[in-house]
Amino acid sequence: MHLDLFVPEKYSRLYLKNVQDNPKICLSFASIFTYEAYQIKGIYQGLRPCTAEENEYQAEYMNGFVHNLLNSGLSYGLNMYGYLSPPCFSLSMLAQEIYEQTPKKGTGTKIA
């Protein structure tokens, strides 16, 4: 499975140096609504500037994310808009393994 991850340029300098030394990367994600969490391990494949359409998609996604945070009763102080900071890169990852990370019995189990 191939994934494209969006990374703001201002946060990417050290990350890019690290993947040049070791191309193994990991992506962890979770749902604030269900507390489900997963981890994907894979290999860095490359980097390119995001397109205008990808930048627009990211802005719409963050607007929806912040809206959901506020509707969940979480504070605007978390301010995810601070993270979204164009210009951004699209980082390509070849996913190799997926693990369950939801806090429950079986956490850490490889699922794919």
Foldseek 3Di string as FASTA:
>chain_A
DKDKDKAAPVPCPVVVVVCVVPQKDKDKDADPVPQWIKMWIFGWDDKDWDDPVVLVVVVVVVVVVLVVCVVVVHDCVVPPVVRSDDRIMIIMTDTDWMFTCRPDPRHGPTDD
